[in-house]
Structures are given as C-alpha cells and as structure tokens.
Amino acid sequence: MTRLLSPSAAVDVELGPGGAPTSISGALSGSIDPIARWKVEASWWTRPVVREYWRVLLNNHLLCEMYHDLSSNDWFVERVFD
C-alpha cells in the first residue's frame, strides 16, 4: 500500500559525495540508501515546477519517495510505501 503525504513532510537532508542524499531529519529521520532518481520539469499554469525525485530506503526498511524542490532548495518526503 502507498500513503501519499499531503502536504508533503519537510525534511533536512545531508548530502554525500556526488550530491546523493545520505540522511534526513525532520518529520522522518534516519539514514538513506538511494534507489532511483528522476527529474520533473513542468510549467504548471504560471508557477513552474522543477523537482528532483528520489526513491529511497529509510533506515534499511521503509521505502519512501522524496523530492528536492530546485526552485526553493527545500526537501520533502511525499510518499511512503507500506
């Protein structure tokens, strides 16, 4: 099952070599093992959306989807897979 967090949970992210996230703190916290990465660019009406998404394994057991809002430089957890 998938749980969409609405609104997405803001987190602080620590980056490793190459810019991949290695740990988060905030609404969820722990170590991160990145699994997949993709970028979304869209002009949603007049407010452009530019995000870099990551599917990650949090604390070696919880699969999550998070994104880096490249416009604001903020990070969010958007989805948790049960």
Protein backbone atom coordinates (compact mmCIF):
# COMPACT_ATOMS: atom_id res chain seq x y z
CA MET A 1 0.00 0.00 0.00
CA THR A 2 1.13 3.58 -0.65
CA ARG A 3 0.50 6.52 1.62
CA LEU A 4 0.65 9.97 -0.02
CA LEU A 5 1.59 12.66 2.50
CA SER A 6 -0.50 15.77 1.92
CA PRO A 7 1.05 18.17 2.46
CA SER A 8 4.48 16.65 1.90
CA ALA A 9 6.64 16.47 5.03
CA ALA A 10 9.55 18.92 5.09
CA VAL A 11 12.90 17.35 5.99
CA ASP A 12 16.52 18.44 6.30
CA VAL A 13 18.84 16.42 4.08
CA GLU A 14 22.52 15.65 4.35
CA LEU A 15 24.19 15.03 1.01
CA GLY A 16 27.07 12.71 0.28
CA PRO A 17 29.67 12.73 -2.48
CA GLY A 18 28.05 13.28 -5.86
CA GLY A 19 25.02 15.04 -4.33
CA ALA A 20 23.03 11.95 -3.33
CA PRO A 21 21.10 12.20 -0.05
CA THR A 22 22.60 10.13 2.78
CA SER A 23 20.39 11.03 5.75
CA ILE A 24 17.34 13.09 6.68
CA SER A 25 15.95 14.69 9.80
CA GLY A 26 12.64 16.37 10.47
CA ALA A 27 9.22 14.75 10.14
CA LEU A 28 11.03 11.49 9.31
CA SER A 29 14.64 10.84 10.18
CA GLY A 30 17.43 8.35 9.62
CA SER A 31 19.90 7.03 7.10
CA ILE A 32 19.05 6.84 3.42
CA ASP A 33 20.00 4.35 0.72
CA PRO A 34 19.07 5.91 -2.67
CA ILE A 35 17.39 3.51 -5.12
CA ALA A 36 16.25 5.67 -8.05
CA ARG A 37 16.42 9.29 -9.18
CA TRP A 38 14.49 11.30 -11.79
CA LYS A 39 13.77 14.94 -12.59
CA VAL A 40 10.42 16.61 -13.28
CA GLU A 41 10.12 19.97 -15.01
CA ALA A 42 6.67 21.36 -15.76
CA SER A 43 5.06 24.75 -16.12
CA TRP A 44 2.00 24.16 -14.01
CA TRP A 45 -0.07 27.10 -15.21
CA THR A 46 2.07 30.10 -14.26
CA ARG A 47 4.07 28.52 -11.41
CA PRO A 48 6.83 26.30 -12.82
CA VAL A 49 7.65 23.05 -11.02
CA VAL A 50 11.26 21.86 -11.06
CA ARG A 51 11.90 18.86 -8.80
CA GLU A 52 14.44 16.11 -8.46
CA TYR A 53 12.73 12.99 -7.11
CA TRP A 54 14.43 10.19 -5.19
CA ARG A 55 13.09 6.78 -4.22
CA VAL A 56 14.99 5.81 -1.08
CA LEU A 57 15.16 3.16 1.60
CA LEU A 58 14.94 4.86 5.00
CA ASN A 59 16.71 3.11 7.90
CA ASN A 60 17.10 -0.05 5.78
CA HIS A 61 13.39 -0.92 5.91
CA LEU A 62 10.97 1.89 4.91
CA LEU A 63 10.58 2.69 1.20
CA CYS A 64 9.89 6.40 0.62
CA GLU A 65 9.68 8.86 -2.22
CA MET A 66 11.14 12.28 -1.61
CA TYR A 67 11.92 15.31 -3.71
CA HIS A 68 14.24 18.28 -3.81
CA ASP A 69 12.41 21.44 -4.90
CA LEU A 70 15.12 23.02 -7.04
CA SER A 71 13.36 26.41 -7.06
CA SER A 72 13.37 26.81 -3.27
CA ASN A 73 16.19 24.35 -2.40
CA ASP A 74 13.84 22.59 0.07
CA TRP A 75 13.45 18.81 0.57
CA PHE A 76 10.21 16.91 1.22
CA VAL A 77 9.04 13.34 1.77
CA GLU A 78 5.96 12.90 -0.42
CA ARG A 79 5.12 9.19 -0.33
CA VAL A 80 5.63 6.24 2.00
CA PHE A 81 5.25 2.66 0.79
CA ASP A 82 3.96 0.29 3.48
